[in-house]
Amino acid sequence: MPRPSLLRLRRLSSAVSGGGAAAPVLFRHPASGGGGDARPTTVQILSWGRGSSGQLGGGKEEIRFYPSHVASLLFPPASSPPPLAPSPGRLLPLPPPPPPPPTSAAEADVGISCGLFHSALLVDGRVWMWGKGDGGRLGFGDEASLFVPTLNPNLEGVRALALGGIHSAALTRDGEVFTWGYGGFGALGHSVYHRELLPRLVNGPWSGTISHLATSGAHTAAITDSGELYTWGRDEGDGRLGLGSGGGPGEAGSLSIPSKVNALPVPIAAVACGGFFTMALTSDGQVWSWGANSNFELGRENNTSDWRPKPIQSLENVHIVQIACGGYHTLALTDKGEVLSWGHGGHGQLGHPSIQNQKNPIVIEALANERIVYIACGGSSSAAVSEKGNLYMWGNARDCQLGVPGLRDIQPLPIKVNFLSEDDDLGPHHVFAVAVGASHAMCLVTRTNPAS
């Protein structure tokens, strides 16, 4: 089927890509008024890909072939982006800054997350959600889908978000975990397997508080402030929970009660959940892996699944600061700004000229000229943000989720995503975060106001 022309693509997405109805301002920082001639820093949320369930936030079912404006946030005049909220698999700066009090007029952190067919925005402890509502994954008390970002009144004081397949999870500033949505896989952690239409507190067996949270299609992981890792959800004998080889007692091996991963001999600082495997990161940048391995997801030179957490030997002398997992592949970001990838490569998601599976972590040479500061994975696509604010994407392009019109279904090498110029009196797009779902993606950009 031939690709549509760029002119037709512009018409299809024109409603929110400039020149149409203005995108809403969802947040105004108390100090965004500045003083004198100072103008606020504008942060924009942009989305692209397939939006048949409303996950693009543009108000209708649509396909966006390139990044289009969804909403804006206004911050105090500054030369740098606002601080990012913690995200799965990413180490915090050392020492981590203390969380601001809820009424603070200081810097407000921001974050985005993509689930299978839903999306979320976190700003200063408040959460906006939109997209497919089946199973109650949006947390509004019903199963209705939402086509524009909508403030969820049932969530406050949120520090981090992690959206899964048909469920969602949030970590509060008090170190508590809330989950909601479809509970049939046990990924909610409530000891029962039914859906939750509203955010519900997870009463885990841990002592202390939770400092880090991650989830995927059917399993969830949480780290305590002392570095203990707890997992729950589906384990069909692949070992993704790290609790043994037999799987859980529920349907399809599900385990709805959070359980400590005792097989980990070291404290953990960050964790990322893949489709059927799990990656953990220590504070000194060492990566541990376990779970399904038929596509070399564990980076161990073999394709034998293993429930036992083990360090990835080839990364022993590499300091990793972020890991991101897709359905069957992983990206790792080093402290030098390099990106490595391994696992399944059939959709080009590893970023190498070959689409063969990779047994070991290999540097993505196509990104060697940029210092990368942030990475993300979708089910079979990948993304990276550079220090200069450039966005690169690669992998599965079937649903236009790479944000570049005219690509073939498989894009094996990273390609720079360009942004349409808009007549909005703002400067160029500087990307500082990206999130990828199954068939859509979002990013956060700063738009500096040119000096008058």
Protein backbone atom coordinates (compact mmCIF):
# COMPACT_ATOMS: atom_id res chain seq x y z
CA MET A 1 0.00 0.00 0.00
CA PRO A 2 1.60 3.33 -1.01
CA ARG A 3 2.43 5.89 1.64
CA PRO A 4 0.29 9.07 1.65
CA SER A 5 1.87 12.27 0.42
CA LEU A 6 3.27 14.72 2.94
CA LEU A 7 0.59 17.26 1.91
CA ARG A 8 -2.13 14.75 2.81
CA LEU A 9 -0.37 13.94 6.07
CA ARG A 10 -0.43 17.62 7.01
CA ARG A 11 -4.18 17.77 6.38
CA LEU A 12 -4.84 14.68 8.49
CA SER A 13 -3.00 16.08 11.50
CA SER A 14 -3.66 19.80 11.05
CA ALA A 15 -6.16 19.98 13.89
CA VAL A 16 -3.43 20.07 16.50
CA SER A 17 -0.22 20.72 14.63
CA GLY A 18 -0.56 24.44 14.38
CA GLY A 19 -3.00 26.77 12.73
CA GLY A 20 -6.04 25.02 14.19
CA ALA A 21 -7.53 25.14 17.67
CA ALA A 22 -4.88 26.06 20.20
CA ALA A 23 -3.63 23.24 22.42
CA PRO A 24 -4.61 23.75 26.06
CA VAL A 25 -2.31 25.00 28.81
CA LEU A 26 -2.58 22.34 31.53
CA PHE A 27 -0.20 23.82 34.10
CA ARG A 28 1.06 27.29 35.01
CA HIS A 29 3.87 27.43 37.53
CA PRO A 30 3.28 30.11 40.21
CA ALA A 31 6.50 31.81 39.15
CA SER A 32 5.90 31.51 35.41
CA GLY A 33 4.89 35.15 35.19
CA GLY A 34 8.54 36.13 35.56
CA GLY A 35 9.23 39.80 35.89
CA GLY A 36 9.84 42.70 33.57
CA ASP A 37 10.32 41.50 30.02
CA ALA A 38 10.96 37.90 31.06
CA ARG A 39 8.65 35.39 29.40
CA PRO A 40 7.85 31.91 30.76
CA THR A 41 9.56 28.78 29.51
CA THR A 42 7.05 26.77 27.51
CA VAL A 43 7.07 22.98 27.76
CA GLN A 44 5.01 21.23 25.12
CA ILE A 45 3.72 17.66 25.01
CA LEU A 46 3.76 16.26 21.47
CA SER A 47 2.40 12.91 20.29
CA TRP A 48 2.39 10.81 17.12
CA GLY A 49 1.54 7.35 15.81
CA ARG A 50 -1.76 5.49 15.86
CA GLY A 51 -4.46 7.02 18.07
CA SER A 52 -7.52 4.84 17.49
CA SER A 53 -8.21 4.73 21.24
CA GLY A 54 -7.53 8.38 22.03
CA GLN A 55 -3.99 7.82 23.28
CA LEU A 56 -2.62 10.72 21.20
CA GLY A 57 -4.69 13.23 23.18
CA GLY A 58 -5.86 15.22 20.16
CA GLY A 59 -9.58 14.78 20.80
CA LYS A 60 -10.37 12.21 18.12
CA GLU A 61 -9.40 8.92 16.52
CA GLU A 62 -6.49 9.68 14.21
CA ILE A 63 -3.07 8.76 12.93
CA ARG A 64 -0.36 11.37 13.39
CA PHE A 65 2.55 10.92 11.06
CA TYR A 66 4.80 13.43 12.80
CA PRO A 67 4.93 14.99 16.31
CA SER A 68 1.96 17.24 16.92
CA HIS A 69 1.20 19.59 19.79
CA VAL A 70 -1.12 18.18 22.49
CA ALA A 71 -0.80 20.58 25.43
CA SER A 72 1.51 23.13 27.05
CA LEU A 73 3.00 23.74 30.49
CA LEU A 74 4.34 27.12 31.60
CA PHE A 75 7.42 27.37 33.83
CA PRO A 76 9.59 30.21 35.13
CA PRO A 77 12.00 31.77 32.64
CA ALA A 78 15.05 29.50 32.46
CA SER A 79 17.67 28.26 30.06
CA SER A 80 17.17 24.59 30.99
CA PRO A 81 14.16 22.21 31.08
CA PRO A 82 12.29 21.61 34.35
CA PRO A 83 13.47 18.60 36.38
CA LEU A 84 12.29 15.18 35.24
CA ALA A 85 10.24 12.97 37.52
CA PRO A 86 11.81 9.55 38.21
CA SER A 87 11.16 7.03 35.45
CA PRO A 88 11.53 3.23 35.33
CA GLY A 89 15.09 2.01 34.84
CA ARG A 90 16.73 5.40 35.34
CA LEU A 91 19.18 6.16 38.13
CA LEU A 92 18.58 9.37 40.05
CA PRO A 93 21.39 11.92 40.39
CA LEU A 94 23.67 11.27 43.36
CA PRO A 95 22.75 12.43 45.89
CA PRO A 96 19.08 12.59 44.79
CA PRO A 97 17.37 15.90 45.50
CA PRO A 98 14.71 15.78 48.23
CA PRO A 99 11.14 15.81 46.89
CA PRO A 100 9.58 19.28 47.12
CA PRO A 101 6.67 19.81 49.53
CA PRO A 102 3.26 19.69 47.85
CA THR A 103 2.72 23.45 48.09
CA SER A 104 6.22 24.41 47.06
CA ALA A 105 6.63 27.22 44.54
CA ALA A 106 10.05 25.82 43.67
CA GLU A 107 10.77 23.76 40.58
CA ALA A 108 7.99 21.36 39.60
CA ASP A 109 9.03 18.05 38.09
CA VAL A 110 7.41 16.59 34.97
CA GLY A 111 7.15 13.14 33.42
CA ILE A 112 5.33 11.17 30.73
CA SER A 113 4.45 7.52 30.30
CA CYS A 114 2.86 5.42 27.55
CA GLY A 115 0.96 2.21 28.11
CA LEU A 116 -0.32 -0.17 25.49
CA PHE A 117 -3.07 2.20 24.33
CA HIS A 118 -3.12 4.90 27.02
CA SER A 119 -0.97 7.83 28.07
CA ALA A 120 -0.20 9.93 31.13
CA LEU A 121 1.41 13.21 32.10
CA LEU A 122 2.80 13.98 35.56
CA VAL A 123 3.35 17.60 36.65
CA ASP A 124 4.14 18.65 40.21
CA GLY A 125 2.41 15.63 41.76
CA ARG A 126 -0.73 15.84 39.62
CA VAL A 127 -1.64 13.35 36.87
CA TRP A 128 -3.44 13.76 33.56
CA MET A 129 -4.53 10.58 31.75
CA TRP A 130 -6.12 9.75 28.41
CA GLY A 131 -6.58 6.92 25.92
CA LYS A 132 -8.29 3.55 26.10
CA GLY A 133 -10.25 2.98 29.30
CA ASP A 134 -10.92 -0.79 29.22
CA GLY A 135 -10.38 -2.42 32.60
CA GLY A 136 -10.35 0.96 34.36
CA ARG A 137 -6.72 1.66 33.43
CA LEU A 138 -7.29 5.45 33.45
CA GLY A 139 -8.37 5.43 37.10
CA PHE A 140 -11.50 7.59 36.87
CA GLY A 141 -13.93 5.03 38.29
CA ASP A 142 -15.24 3.75 34.96
CA GLU A 143 -14.01 2.14 31.74
CA ALA A 144 -14.65 5.04 29.40
CA SER A 145 -11.94 6.11 26.96
CA LEU A 146 -10.72 9.71 27.01
CA PHE A 147 -9.46 11.52 23.93
CA VAL A 148 -7.86 14.55 25.60
CA PRO A 149 -5.55 14.85 28.65
CA THR A 150 -7.83 14.88 31.69
CA LEU A 151 -6.78 15.65 35.26
CA ASN A 152 -7.37 12.64 37.49
CA PRO A 153 -8.83 13.87 40.81
CA ASN A 154 -8.11 10.49 42.43
CA LEU A 155 -4.33 10.97 42.31
CA GLU A 156 -2.26 13.55 44.16
CA GLY A 157 1.27 13.86 45.47
CA VAL A 158 2.52 11.48 42.76
CA ARG A 159 6.28 11.19 42.30
CA ALA A 160 6.51 8.67 39.42
CA LEU A 161 4.26 6.92 36.91
CA ALA A 162 4.48 3.58 35.10
CA LEU A 163 1.80 2.53 32.63
CA GLY A 164 1.41 -1.13 31.70
CA GLY A 165 -0.64 -3.03 29.16
CA ILE A 166 -4.15 -2.77 30.62
CA HIS A 167 -3.20 -1.29 34.01
CA SER A 168 -1.36 1.62 35.57
CA ALA A 169 0.85 2.25 38.60
CA ALA A 170 1.92 5.32 40.55
CA LEU A 171 4.50 6.00 43.25
CA THR A 172 3.69 8.82 45.66
CA ARG A 173 6.03 11.25 47.36
CA ASP A 174 5.31 9.37 50.58
CA GLY A 175 6.74 6.17 49.08
CA GLU A 176 3.41 4.40 48.60
CA VAL A 177 2.37 2.43 45.50
CA PHE A 178 -1.07 2.68 43.93
CA THR A 179 -2.28 0.50 41.04
CA TRP A 180 -5.47 0.29 39.03
CA GLY A 181 -6.95 -1.27 35.89
CA TYR A 182 -7.19 -4.89 34.78
CA GLY A 183 -6.14 -7.28 37.53
CA GLY A 184 -6.38 -10.66 35.82
CA PHE A 185 -2.61 -11.11 35.58
CA GLY A 186 -1.96 -10.15 39.20
CA ALA A 187 0.00 -7.08 38.11
CA LEU A 188 -1.95 -4.85 40.51
CA GLY A 189 -0.62 -6.60 43.62
CA HIS A 190 -3.89 -6.62 45.57
CA SER A 191 -4.06 -10.39 46.27
CA VAL A 192 -7.22 -10.58 44.16
CA TYR A 193 -7.47 -10.81 40.39
CA HIS A 194 -10.32 -8.46 39.55
CA ARG A 195 -10.16 -5.01 38.01
CA GLU A 196 -9.76 -1.81 39.98
CA LEU A 197 -11.51 1.23 38.52
CA LEU A 198 -9.86 3.62 40.97
CA PRO A 199 -6.26 3.85 42.23
CA ARG A 200 -5.84 1.45 45.16
CA LEU A 201 -2.99 1.28 47.66
CA VAL A 202 -0.75 -1.78 47.37
CA ASN A 203 -0.24 -3.19 50.86
CA GLY A 204 3.07 -4.90 50.24
CA PRO A 205 5.09 -6.92 52.78
CA TRP A 206 8.02 -4.51 52.66
CA SER A 207 9.24 -2.39 55.53
CA GLY A 208 10.06 1.23 54.89
CA THR A 209 8.97 3.02 51.75
CA ILE A 210 9.18 2.43 48.00
CA SER A 211 11.66 4.54 46.04
CA HIS A 212 11.33 3.17 42.48
CA LEU A 213 8.58 1.58 40.40
CA ALA A 214 8.28 -0.16 37.01
CA THR A 215 5.70 -2.23 35.17
CA SER A 216 5.05 -3.79 31.76
CA GLY A 217 2.32 -5.75 30.04
CA ALA A 218 1.68 -8.15 32.90
CA HIS A 219 4.19 -7.75 35.75
CA THR A 220 5.28 -5.03 38.17
CA ALA A 221 8.40 -4.35 40.24
CA ALA A 222 9.10 -2.00 43.15
CA ILE A 223 12.29 -1.14 45.05
CA THR A 224 12.39 -0.15 48.70
CA ASP A 225 14.51 2.68 50.06
CA SER A 226 16.95 0.03 51.31
CA GLY A 227 17.38 -1.52 47.85
CA GLU A 228 15.16 -4.60 48.20
CA LEU A 229 13.26 -5.61 45.05
CA TYR A 230 9.67 -6.89 45.11
CA THR A 231 7.84 -8.29 42.08
CA TRP A 232 4.33 -9.46 41.28
CA GLY A 233 2.17 -10.32 38.27
CA ARG A 234 2.29 -12.95 35.57
CA ASP A 235 5.05 -15.57 35.32
CA GLU A 236 4.28 -18.44 32.98
CA GLY A 237 7.37 -20.34 34.07
CA ASP A 238 9.70 -17.96 32.22
CA GLY A 239 11.03 -16.63 35.51
CA ARG A 240 10.43 -12.91 34.92
CA LEU A 241 9.49 -12.38 38.60
CA GLY A 242 12.80 -13.83 39.81
CA LEU A 243 11.03 -15.97 42.39
CA GLY A 244 11.61 -19.48 41.05
CA SER A 245 10.99 -21.65 38.02
CA GLY A 246 7.45 -22.77 38.70
CA GLY A 247 5.53 -19.56 38.07
CA GLY A 248 2.80 -18.23 40.33
CA PRO A 249 -0.20 -20.12 41.73
CA GLY A 250 -2.84 -18.20 39.76
CA GLU A 251 -4.06 -18.50 36.18
CA ALA A 252 -1.21 -18.52 33.63
CA GLY A 253 1.31 -18.51 36.47
CA SER A 254 0.15 -15.24 37.98
CA LEU A 255 1.13 -14.09 41.46
CA SER A 256 -0.91 -11.20 42.83
CA ILE A 257 1.00 -10.77 46.10
CA PRO A 258 4.24 -8.71 46.04
CA SER A 259 7.16 -10.96 46.93
CA LYS A 260 10.79 -10.16 47.67
CA VAL A 261 13.38 -11.30 45.11
CA ASN A 262 15.68 -13.02 47.58
CA ALA A 263 17.93 -14.29 44.80
CA LEU A 264 19.36 -10.79 44.33
CA PRO A 265 22.48 -10.53 46.52
CA VAL A 266 22.98 -6.79 46.03
CA PRO A 267 20.87 -3.67 46.69
CA ILE A 268 19.00 -2.42 43.62
CA ALA A 269 18.51 1.22 42.62
CA ALA A 270 16.41 0.99 39.44
CA VAL A 271 14.40 -1.64 37.58
CA ALA A 272 12.77 -2.05 34.16
CA CYS A 273 10.21 -4.65 33.10
CA GLY A 274 10.29 -6.17 29.62
CA GLY A 275 7.61 -8.28 28.03
CA PHE A 276 8.71 -11.52 29.71
CA PHE A 277 11.93 -10.55 31.49
CA THR A 278 13.28 -8.06 34.01
CA MET A 279 16.39 -5.86 34.25
CA ALA A 280 17.73 -4.35 37.47
CA LEU A 281 20.37 -1.69 37.93
CA THR A 282 22.61 -1.11 40.96
CA SER A 283 23.66 2.32 42.14
CA ASP A 284 27.15 1.75 40.71
CA GLY A 285 25.75 1.05 37.24
CA GLN A 286 25.79 -2.77 37.07
CA VAL A 287 22.96 -4.55 35.21
CA TRP A 288 21.31 -7.79 36.40
CA SER A 289 18.87 -9.76 34.22
CA TRP A 290 16.47 -12.69 34.50
CA GLY A 291 13.41 -14.22 32.84
CA ALA A 292 12.61 -15.34 29.29
CA ASN A 293 15.58 -15.50 26.95
CA SER A 294 14.53 -17.13 23.68
CA ASN A 295 15.56 -13.97 21.81
CA PHE A 296 18.71 -13.32 23.88
CA GLU A 297 16.83 -10.77 26.00
CA LEU A 298 19.12 -11.38 28.99
CA GLY A 299 22.35 -10.42 27.23
CA ARG A 300 24.15 -13.56 28.40
CA GLU A 301 25.47 -14.98 25.08
CA ASN A 302 22.89 -17.79 25.19
CA ASN A 303 19.13 -18.11 24.77
CA THR A 304 18.39 -20.16 27.88
CA SER A 305 15.68 -18.67 30.10
CA ASP A 306 16.63 -18.33 33.75
CA TRP A 307 14.67 -17.09 36.77
CA ARG A 308 17.89 -16.45 38.70
CA PRO A 309 19.13 -12.85 38.58
CA LYS A 310 22.68 -12.64 37.23
CA PRO A 311 24.91 -9.72 36.25
CA ILE A 312 25.52 -9.15 32.55
CA GLN A 313 29.20 -10.03 32.34
CA SER A 314 30.03 -8.02 29.23
CA LEU A 315 28.85 -4.85 31.01
CA GLU A 316 30.97 -5.46 34.11
CA ASN A 317 33.32 -2.56 33.37
CA VAL A 318 30.65 -0.26 31.94
CA HIS A 319 28.73 2.22 34.10
CA ILE A 320 25.05 2.15 33.07
CA VAL A 321 22.79 5.01 34.17
CA GLN A 322 19.53 3.94 32.50
CA ILE A 323 17.97 0.77 31.14
CA ALA A 324 14.82 0.56 29.00
CA CYS A 325 13.03 -2.64 28.00
CA GLY A 326 10.74 -3.40 25.09
CA GLY A 327 8.79 -6.55 24.44
CA TYR A 328 11.89 -8.60 23.59
CA HIS A 329 14.82 -6.16 23.60
CA THR A 330 16.72 -3.81 25.87
CA LEU A 331 18.62 -0.53 25.61
CA ALA A 332 21.27 0.60 28.09
CA LEU A 333 22.66 4.13 28.43
CA THR A 334 26.20 4.61 29.73
CA ASP A 335 27.55 7.49 31.79
CA LYS A 336 29.48 8.53 28.66
CA GLY A 337 26.31 8.98 26.63
CA GLU A 338 26.63 5.78 24.58
CA VAL A 339 23.68 3.44 23.92
CA LEU A 340 23.96 -0.34 23.81
CA SER A 341 21.26 -2.76 22.67
CA TRP A 342 20.58 -6.50 22.64
CA GLY A 343 17.81 -9.07 22.23
CA HIS A 344 15.32 -9.35 19.40
CA GLY A 345 16.16 -7.28 16.33
CA GLY A 346 13.59 -8.39 13.76
CA HIS A 347 11.87 -5.01 13.60
CA GLY A 348 15.11 -3.01 13.56
CA GLN A 349 14.64 -2.02 17.21
CA LEU A 350 18.32 -2.62 18.10
CA GLY A 351 19.58 0.22 15.90
CA HIS A 352 22.18 -1.77 13.95
CA PRO A 353 22.48 -2.26 10.16
CA SER A 354 21.51 -5.91 10.63
CA ILE A 355 18.10 -6.91 12.00
CA GLN A 356 19.49 -10.11 13.47
CA ASN A 357 19.05 -10.85 17.18
CA GLN A 358 22.00 -9.80 19.33
CA LYS A 359 23.34 -12.10 22.07
CA ASN A 360 25.40 -9.43 23.83
CA PRO A 361 25.09 -5.69 24.43
CA ILE A 362 26.52 -3.83 21.41
CA VAL A 363 27.07 -0.09 21.03
CA ILE A 364 24.75 1.61 18.54
CA GLU A 365 27.35 3.18 16.28
CA ALA A 366 24.81 5.33 14.44
CA LEU A 367 24.43 7.42 17.63
CA ALA A 368 28.18 7.81 18.21
CA ASN A 369 28.25 11.47 17.17
CA GLU A 370 25.73 12.48 19.86
CA ARG A 371 25.88 12.29 23.63
CA ILE A 372 22.62 10.57 24.59
CA VAL A 373 20.95 11.51 27.88
CA TYR A 374 17.62 9.63 27.80
CA ILE A 375 16.33 6.40 26.23
CA ALA A 376 12.97 4.63 25.86
CA CYS A 377 11.53 1.45 24.35
CA GLY A 378 8.14 0.55 22.97
CA GLY A 379 7.09 -2.98 22.21
CA SER A 380 9.30 -3.19 19.12
CA SER A 381 10.63 0.33 18.66
CA SER A 382 13.26 2.47 20.40
CA ALA A 383 14.07 6.12 21.07
CA ALA A 384 16.95 8.25 22.31
CA VAL A 385 17.29 11.92 23.28
CA SER A 386 20.61 13.70 22.89
CA GLU A 387 22.22 16.34 25.07
CA LYS A 388 21.52 18.84 22.27
CA GLY A 389 17.79 18.11 22.48
CA ASN A 390 17.57 15.98 19.34
CA LEU A 391 15.23 12.99 19.19
CA TYR A 392 16.17 9.78 17.36
CA MET A 393 13.87 6.80 16.77
CA TRP A 394 14.18 3.40 15.11
CA GLY A 395 12.51 0.00 14.87
CA ASN A 396 8.91 -0.82 14.00
CA ALA A 397 7.39 1.99 11.92
CA ARG A 398 4.22 0.19 10.86
CA ASP A 399 1.93 2.52 12.86
CA CYS A 400 3.93 5.71 12.20
CA GLN A 401 5.17 5.57 15.80
CA LEU A 402 8.64 6.79 14.81
CA GLY A 403 7.35 10.26 13.93
CA VAL A 404 8.92 10.39 10.46
CA PRO A 405 6.56 10.14 7.47
CA GLY A 406 7.34 7.84 4.57
CA LEU A 407 9.39 5.18 6.37
CA ARG A 408 9.22 1.48 5.55
CA ASP A 409 7.72 -0.78 8.21
CA ILE A 410 11.22 -1.63 9.47
CA GLN A 411 13.65 1.20 10.25
CA PRO A 412 16.89 -0.46 11.44
CA LEU A 413 19.00 2.66 12.02
CA PRO A 414 18.25 5.66 14.25
CA ILE A 415 16.66 8.50 12.32
CA LYS A 416 16.37 12.07 13.54
CA VAL A 417 12.82 13.24 14.18
CA ASN A 418 12.14 16.70 12.80
CA PHE A 419 9.48 19.07 14.09
CA LEU A 420 7.21 21.23 12.01
CA SER A 421 7.72 24.96 12.42
CA GLU A 422 4.69 26.62 13.94
CA ASP A 423 3.71 30.26 13.80
CA ASP A 424 3.64 30.54 17.60
CA ASP A 425 6.47 33.00 18.26
CA LEU A 426 8.48 30.30 20.01
CA GLY A 427 11.99 29.02 19.42
CA PRO A 428 13.14 25.59 18.23
CA HIS A 429 12.08 22.31 19.86
CA HIS A 430 14.49 20.99 22.50
CA VAL A 431 13.49 17.43 23.47
CA PHE A 432 14.27 16.30 27.02
CA ALA A 433 12.11 13.18 27.50
CA VAL A 434 10.36 10.57 25.37
CA ALA A 435 7.93 7.69 26.01
CA VAL A 436 6.88 4.95 23.59
CA GLY A 437 3.82 2.69 23.64
CA ALA A 438 2.78 -0.15 21.37
CA SER A 439 1.80 2.05 18.43
CA HIS A 440 2.25 5.63 19.61
CA ALA A 441 4.83 7.86 21.26
CA MET A 442 5.11 11.18 23.10
CA CYS A 443 7.86 13.60 23.98
CA LEU A 444 8.43 16.64 26.15
CA VAL A 445 10.10 19.67 24.56
CA THR A 446 11.08 23.11 25.74
CA ARG A 447 10.34 26.02 23.46
CA THR A 448 12.42 29.00 24.44
CA ASN A 449 11.01 32.43 23.87
CA PRO A 450 13.25 34.45 21.55
CA ALA A 451 14.50 37.70 22.98
CA SER A 452 12.46 40.63 21.72
